[in-house]
Amino acid sequence: MTIVAEKYAYVIGIDTHARTHTYAITNTRTGSCESWAAFPVTPAGIRRAIAWIRRNTTAEILIAVEGTRSYGASITTALNAENIPVIEVKPPKKQARAGIGKIDQIDATEAARSVLGTDVTKLLHPRAEGTRAAISVLLASRHRLDRQRTRNRNALNALIREINLGLDTRKALTNHHITDISSWRHRNTDTTEQRIAREEAVLLATAIKHADQQLKHNKEQLAELSEELAPGLQNQPGIGPVTTGAILIAYSHHGRIRSEAAFAALAGAAPLQASSGNTIRHRLNRHGDRQLNNALDVIAKTRMRCDAQTQKYVQRRTTEGLSYKEIKRILKRYIARNLFKQLQTLTT
């Protein structure tokens, strides 16, 4: 095992903010901060920061950045363009600041010190840009659209139950009902409350239909980009454009995740011991990347419902006394292992 302090002479911690970044050059042999500076978050400021780092270091360096996908995105991109190794670190916990206080210089220094004893194979590398970043944007957009559509459907259901608009309200609205509502026109027989409610119902139904169209287009884009990065992955049972997108974002690129076990741990699919006394069992892991975990969960449930081979496996393990949750946990771990192997060969 090789730790960071053995491989690199300096680790530069970067505490990122909207307007300025603070840089702290830390000597890996002593752990001391040899120099620090703050530079504005502009193209010119980032160029000055990189030049400052080169002037003040004489051997191999590693950059530890907080928030490589938010405030630290611009500096991370610039460092990658200069072929300077970059890793992501998490902000220090409140307990670690007890008795020390908080200023940007301290945070930058702690960002560097936090990785000095870490195995270099376990460092967290930033996700790749380009197509994978585009998929991340699409998934975030899809989540927002889906949540808003659900709120609009719930509001429309509540509205037609509150005010009589001539609909059967014993069951929730169907897509056919929503299409019909979106084409409603003004009725002279409506009371004031019915007129206002009808106008609001039309607005909600129209918004729901528009969201449906946007989500359809979003899915088509996800399918296209995912096929570009991992040809054939979506052709397998239970794997669609949305789940493929989540998987590709988490995996990102070759070398980011060191093994299939690490990929399963990242997905929250690695089994955790839950044994006690004469009972020996494992349970689901509720940590890790929840978006990736949800993708594995969708794949497992779909295969349990639709895939003949998986159904045979579920039946066999059920007769052995395993519960539904235990079987699904095992399937998610198997799926994580299988996906990692495929990603190693399919992705570019």
Foldseek 3Di string as FASTA:
>chain_A
DDAQLRPAQWEWFWDFDQFKIKIFIAGLVVLDTPDIDIFTPDPVRLVVVVVVVVVPDDIQYEYEYECCPPRVVSNVVVCVVVVRHYFYDYFDDPVVCVPPDDDNNVRRSCSRSVRSGPDPLPTAHDFDDDLLVVLVVLLVVLVVLVVVLVVLQVVLLVLCVVDPPPDDNPDRDDLVNLVVLLPDDDDPPDDPSNRVSSVSSNVSSVSNVVSVVVNVVSQVVLQVSLCVFFPPPQVDQQRGSQLSSLLCNLVRDPSSQNALLSQCVQLQLRWAWPDDDPRTATATGPDHDPSNVVSLLRRLVRCCVPPPVLVVVVVVVVVVPDDPRRSSSVSSSVVSNVVVVSSVPRGD
